[in-house]
Amino acid sequence: MSYERCKDCLKYFNSGSTGGYNCAETVIYGTTKYLGINNKLIPRIATPFGGGLGRNGFICGALVAGTMVLGIIFGRDSINEERDPAYKAVNKLIQKFKRKYKSLDCSDITKLDLKKTAPTDDAKVKIHESICKPLVEKVCEWVLEVVEFKK
């Protein structure tokens, strides 16, 4: 299943040499825009998750942003509500992600140390174009699949 909106949200993505959003910002902004969700905290809330939590190479920012979107859709508004819908939705996303990328960590997937790599470094730009950009699109697609399944 392909979502044209996922391709469209990539116009916000920054591979280093141009302006634009990081992977986390792109996923949350593109998917919420597609879903008609507007909030002044989007994409701001996702900014520090780029590069695996502030360029530290930990959990992929796109994956974190995908979980944030699922939290917006499946999360609870009170302590009297169940957490399970959100947990189940996130588990579906994580399973798909792990099956495809074998790791949840940015540094494992990209093989980059973003603390030592300049934003416009040729190697980083190449990895962002060949790995991160398709990954962002894939996470967007998977999030929308999980949301569509709810309906």
C-alpha atoms as a PDB file:
ATOM      1  CA  MET A   1       0.000   0.000   0.000  1.00  0.00           C
ATOM      2  CA  SER A   2       1.484   3.340  -0.995  1.00  0.00           C
ATOM      3  CA  TYR A   3       0.454   6.734   0.238  1.00  0.00           C
ATOM      4  CA  GLU A   4       1.034   9.655  -2.085  1.00  0.00           C
ATOM      5  CA  ARG A   5       1.110  11.880   0.973  1.00  0.00           C
ATOM      6  CA  CYS A   6       4.222  10.050   2.215  1.00  0.00           C
ATOM      7  CA  LYS A   7       6.026  10.999  -0.985  1.00  0.00           C
ATOM      8  CA  ASP A   8       4.704  14.528  -0.634  1.00  0.00           C
ATOM      9  CA  CYS A   9       5.938  14.896   2.954  1.00  0.00           C
ATOM     10  CA  LEU A  10       9.496  14.265   1.751  1.00  0.00           C
ATOM     11  CA  LYS A  11       9.576  17.769   0.305  1.00  0.00           C
ATOM     12  CA  TYR A  12      10.071  18.922   3.910  1.00  0.00           C
ATOM     13  CA  PHE A  13      13.079  16.607   4.474  1.00  0.00           C
ATOM     14  CA  ASN A  14      16.614  18.001   4.801  1.00  0.00           C
ATOM     15  CA  SER A  15      19.528  15.959   3.538  1.00  0.00           C
ATOM     16  CA  GLY A  16      22.059  18.514   4.709  1.00  0.00           C
ATOM     17  CA  SER A  17      22.756  20.885   1.854  1.00  0.00           C
ATOM     18  CA  THR A  18      19.289  22.428   1.818  1.00  0.00           C
ATOM     19  CA  GLY A  19      17.010  23.736   4.495  1.00  0.00           C
ATOM     20  CA  GLY A  20      14.194  21.592   5.760  1.00  0.00           C
ATOM     21  CA  TYR A  21      13.199  19.322   8.596  1.00  0.00           C
ATOM     22  CA  ASN A  22      15.116  16.466  10.168  1.00  0.00           C
ATOM     23  CA  CYS A  23      13.781  12.909   9.960  1.00  0.00           C
ATOM     24  CA  ALA A  24      11.646  13.172  13.104  1.00  0.00           C
ATOM     25  CA  GLU A  25      10.191  16.556  12.186  1.00  0.00           C
ATOM     26  CA  THR A  26       9.415  15.334   8.670  1.00  0.00           C
ATOM     27  CA  VAL A  27       7.534  12.244   9.843  1.00  0.00           C
ATOM     28  CA  ILE A  28       5.426  14.038  12.424  1.00  0.00           C
ATOM     29  CA  TYR A  29       4.755  17.050  10.204  1.00  0.00           C
ATOM     30  CA  GLY A  30       4.006  15.097   7.035  1.00  0.00           C
ATOM     31  CA  THR A  31       1.771  12.457   8.613  1.00  0.00           C
ATOM     32  CA  THR A  32      -0.192  14.834  10.830  1.00  0.00           C
ATOM     33  CA  LYS A  33      -0.687  17.189   7.919  1.00  0.00           C
ATOM     34  CA  TYR A  34      -2.022  14.262   5.857  1.00  0.00           C
ATOM     35  CA  LEU A  35      -4.326  13.280   8.747  1.00  0.00           C
ATOM     36  CA  GLY A  36      -5.598  16.862   9.147  1.00  0.00           C
ATOM     37  CA  ILE A  37      -4.089  17.306  12.609  1.00  0.00           C
ATOM     38  CA  ASN A  38      -2.888  20.811  13.330  1.00  0.00           C
ATOM     39  CA  ASN A  39      -1.101  21.891  16.459  1.00  0.00           C
ATOM     40  CA  LYS A  40       1.469  24.594  17.017  1.00  0.00           C
ATOM     41  CA  LEU A  41       3.723  22.027  18.750  1.00  0.00           C
ATOM     42  CA  ILE A  42       4.132  20.121  15.469  1.00  0.00           C
ATOM     43  CA  PRO A  43       6.933  19.780  14.296  1.00  0.00           C
ATOM     44  CA  ARG A  44       8.582  21.528  17.249  1.00  0.00           C
ATOM     45  CA  ILE A  45       8.076  18.593  19.613  1.00  0.00           C
ATOM     46  CA  ALA A  46      10.044  16.285  17.280  1.00  0.00           C
ATOM     47  CA  THR A  47      13.087  18.527  16.741  1.00  0.00           C
ATOM     48  CA  PRO A  48      15.347  17.013  19.422  1.00  0.00           C
ATOM     49  CA  PHE A  49      14.783  13.459  18.178  1.00  0.00           C
ATOM     50  CA  GLY A  50      16.645  13.906  14.884  1.00  0.00           C
ATOM     51  CA  GLY A  51      19.867  11.967  14.461  1.00  0.00           C
ATOM     52  CA  GLY A  52      18.913   9.417  17.073  1.00  0.00           C
ATOM     53  CA  LEU A  53      18.131  11.759  19.976  1.00  0.00           C
ATOM     54  CA  GLY A  54      20.007  14.983  19.363  1.00  0.00           C
ATOM     55  CA  ARG A  55      22.510  13.500  16.885  1.00  0.00           C
ATOM     56  CA  ASN A  56      23.608  10.852  19.408  1.00  0.00           C
ATOM     57  CA  GLY A  57      22.843   7.888  17.136  1.00  0.00           C
ATOM     58  CA  PHE A  58      20.347   6.229  19.464  1.00  0.00           C
ATOM     59  CA  ILE A  59      16.766   5.301  18.480  1.00  0.00           C
ATOM     60  CA  CYS A  60      15.841   6.527  15.008  1.00  0.00           C
ATOM     61  CA  GLY A  61      14.124   9.920  15.084  1.00  0.00           C
ATOM     62  CA  ALA A  62      11.711   8.928  12.326  1.00  0.00           C
ATOM     63  CA  LEU A  63      10.586   5.949  14.409  1.00  0.00           C
ATOM     64  CA  VAL A  64      10.170   8.123  17.511  1.00  0.00           C
ATOM     65  CA  ALA A  65       8.096  10.616  15.527  1.00  0.00           C
ATOM     66  CA  GLY A  66       5.980   7.771  14.159  1.00  0.00           C
ATOM     67  CA  THR A  67       5.269   6.667  17.718  1.00  0.00           C
ATOM     68  CA  MET A  68       4.322  10.247  18.602  1.00  0.00           C
ATOM     69  CA  VAL A  69       1.794  10.295  15.761  1.00  0.00           C
ATOM     70  CA  LEU A  70       0.374   6.971  16.953  1.00  0.00           C
ATOM     71  CA  GLY A  71       0.153   8.473  20.443  1.00  0.00           C
ATOM     72  CA  ILE A  72      -1.853  11.377  19.041  1.00  0.00           C
ATOM     73  CA  ILE A  73      -4.266   8.912  17.410  1.00  0.00           C
ATOM     74  CA  PHE A  74      -4.382   6.057  19.945  1.00  0.00           C
ATOM     75  CA  GLY A  75      -3.238   7.732  23.176  1.00  0.00           C
ATOM     76  CA  ARG A  76      -5.416   8.320  26.164  1.00  0.00           C
ATOM     77  CA  ASP A  77      -6.812  11.518  27.605  1.00  0.00           C
ATOM     78  CA  SER A  78      -7.399  10.285  31.140  1.00  0.00           C
ATOM     79  CA  ILE A  79      -6.035   7.759  33.600  1.00  0.00           C
ATOM     80  CA  ASN A  80      -9.315   5.878  33.290  1.00  0.00           C
ATOM     81  CA  GLU A  81      -8.613   4.950  29.677  1.00  0.00           C
ATOM     82  CA  GLU A  82      -6.633   1.926  28.531  1.00  0.00           C
ATOM     83  CA  ARG A  83      -3.064   2.216  27.249  1.00  0.00           C
ATOM     84  CA  ASP A  84      -3.308  -0.954  25.168  1.00  0.00           C
ATOM     85  CA  PRO A  85      -4.518   0.645  21.917  1.00  0.00           C
ATOM     86  CA  ALA A  86      -1.437   2.882  21.846  1.00  0.00           C
ATOM     87  CA  TYR A  87       0.911   0.073  22.857  1.00  0.00           C
ATOM     88  CA  LYS A  88      -0.511  -2.277  20.210  1.00  0.00           C
ATOM     89  CA  ALA A  89      -0.231   0.384  17.497  1.00  0.00           C
ATOM     90  CA  VAL A  90       3.389   1.165  18.417  1.00  0.00           C
ATOM     91  CA  ASN A  91       4.275  -2.523  18.564  1.00  0.00           C
ATOM     92  CA  LYS A  92       3.020  -2.956  14.994  1.00  0.00           C
ATOM     93  CA  LEU A  93       5.215  -0.078  13.870  1.00  0.00           C
ATOM     94  CA  ILE A  94       8.271  -1.379  15.727  1.00  0.00           C
ATOM     95  CA  GLN A  95       7.855  -4.888  14.303  1.00  0.00           C
ATOM     96  CA  LYS A  96       7.745  -3.539  10.752  1.00  0.00           C
ATOM     97  CA  PHE A  97      10.731  -1.287  11.419  1.00  0.00           C
ATOM     98  CA  LYS A  98      12.876  -4.039  12.979  1.00  0.00           C
ATOM     99  CA  ARG A  99      12.011  -6.479  10.206  1.00  0.00           C
ATOM    100  CA  LYS A 100      13.226  -4.028   7.572  1.00  0.00           C
ATOM    101  CA  TYR A 101      16.141  -2.241   9.289  1.00  0.00           C
ATOM    102  CA  LYS A 102      17.308  -4.915  11.802  1.00  0.00           C
ATOM    103  CA  SER A 103      17.976  -2.239  14.420  1.00  0.00           C
ATOM    104  CA  LEU A 104      16.170   0.697  15.975  1.00  0.00           C
ATOM    105  CA  ASP A 105      19.306   2.820  16.296  1.00  0.00           C
ATOM    106  CA  CYS A 106      20.242   5.590  13.891  1.00  0.00           C
ATOM    107  CA  SER A 107      23.964   4.823  14.125  1.00  0.00           C
ATOM    108  CA  ASP A 108      23.436   1.137  13.274  1.00  0.00           C
ATOM    109  CA  ILE A 109      21.259   1.990  10.295  1.00  0.00           C
ATOM    110  CA  THR A 110      23.340   4.867   8.895  1.00  0.00           C
ATOM    111  CA  LYS A 111      26.836   3.877  10.092  1.00  0.00           C
ATOM    112  CA  LEU A 112      27.405   7.577  10.839  1.00  0.00           C
ATOM    113  CA  ASP A 113      28.591   9.363  13.954  1.00  0.00           C
ATOM    114  CA  LEU A 114      26.560  12.533  13.585  1.00  0.00           C
ATOM    115  CA  LYS A 115      28.471  14.238  16.393  1.00  0.00           C
ATOM    116  CA  LYS A 116      31.571  14.090  14.168  1.00  0.00           C
ATOM    117  CA  THR A 117      29.895  14.547  10.779  1.00  0.00           C
ATOM    118  CA  ALA A 118      29.118  18.021   9.454  1.00  0.00           C
ATOM    119  CA  PRO A 119      25.536  18.524   8.209  1.00  0.00           C
ATOM    120  CA  THR A 120      26.791  19.164   4.668  1.00  0.00           C
ATOM    121  CA  ASP A 121      29.443  16.401   4.643  1.00  0.00           C
ATOM    122  CA  ASP A 122      29.206  14.445   1.377  1.00  0.00           C
ATOM    123  CA  ALA A 123      29.011  11.066   3.170  1.00  0.00           C
ATOM    124  CA  LYS A 124      26.159  12.283   5.382  1.00  0.00           C
ATOM    125  CA  VAL A 125      24.237  13.764   2.470  1.00  0.00           C
ATOM    126  CA  LYS A 126      24.674  10.515   0.528  1.00  0.00           C
ATOM    127  CA  ILE A 127      23.433   8.387   3.471  1.00  0.00           C
ATOM    128  CA  HIS A 128      20.517  10.729   4.091  1.00  0.00           C
ATOM    129  CA  GLU A 129      19.472  10.475   0.451  1.00  0.00           C
ATOM    130  CA  SER A 130      19.980   6.716   0.077  1.00  0.00           C
ATOM    131  CA  ILE A 131      18.923   5.452   3.535  1.00  0.00           C
ATOM    132  CA  CYS A 132      17.178   8.129   5.613  1.00  0.00           C
ATOM    133  CA  LYS A 133      14.909   9.594   2.962  1.00  0.00           C
ATOM    134  CA  PRO A 134      13.387   6.208   1.995  1.00  0.00           C
ATOM    135  CA  LEU A 135      13.233   5.295   5.696  1.00  0.00           C
ATOM    136  CA  VAL A 136      11.243   8.451   6.480  1.00  0.00           C
ATOM    137  CA  GLU A 137       8.829   7.614   3.670  1.00  0.00           C
ATOM    138  CA  LYS A 138       8.502   4.027   4.918  1.00  0.00           C
ATOM    139  CA  VAL A 139       7.787   5.076   8.514  1.00  0.00           C
ATOM    140  CA  CYS A 140       5.144   7.496   7.261  1.00  0.00           C
ATOM    141  CA  GLU A 141       3.555   4.702   5.224  1.00  0.00           C
ATOM    142  CA  TRP A 142       3.588   2.262   8.157  1.00  0.00           C
ATOM    143  CA  VAL A 143       2.081   4.820  10.531  1.00  0.00           C
ATOM    144  CA  LEU A 144      -0.728   5.517   8.084  1.00  0.00           C
ATOM    145  CA  GLU A 145      -1.305   1.759   7.613  1.00  0.00           C
ATOM    146  CA  VAL A 146      -1.708   1.332  11.388  1.00  0.00           C
ATOM    147  CA  VAL A 147      -4.041   4.337  11.555  1.00  0.00           C
ATOM    148  CA  GLU A 148      -6.101   3.123   8.573  1.00  0.00           C
ATOM    149  CA  PHE A 149      -6.398  -0.316  10.166  1.00  0.00           C
ATOM    150  CA  LYS A 150      -8.098   1.363  13.152  1.00  0.00           C
ATOM    151  CA  LYS A 151     -10.933   2.643  10.969  1.00  0.00           C
END
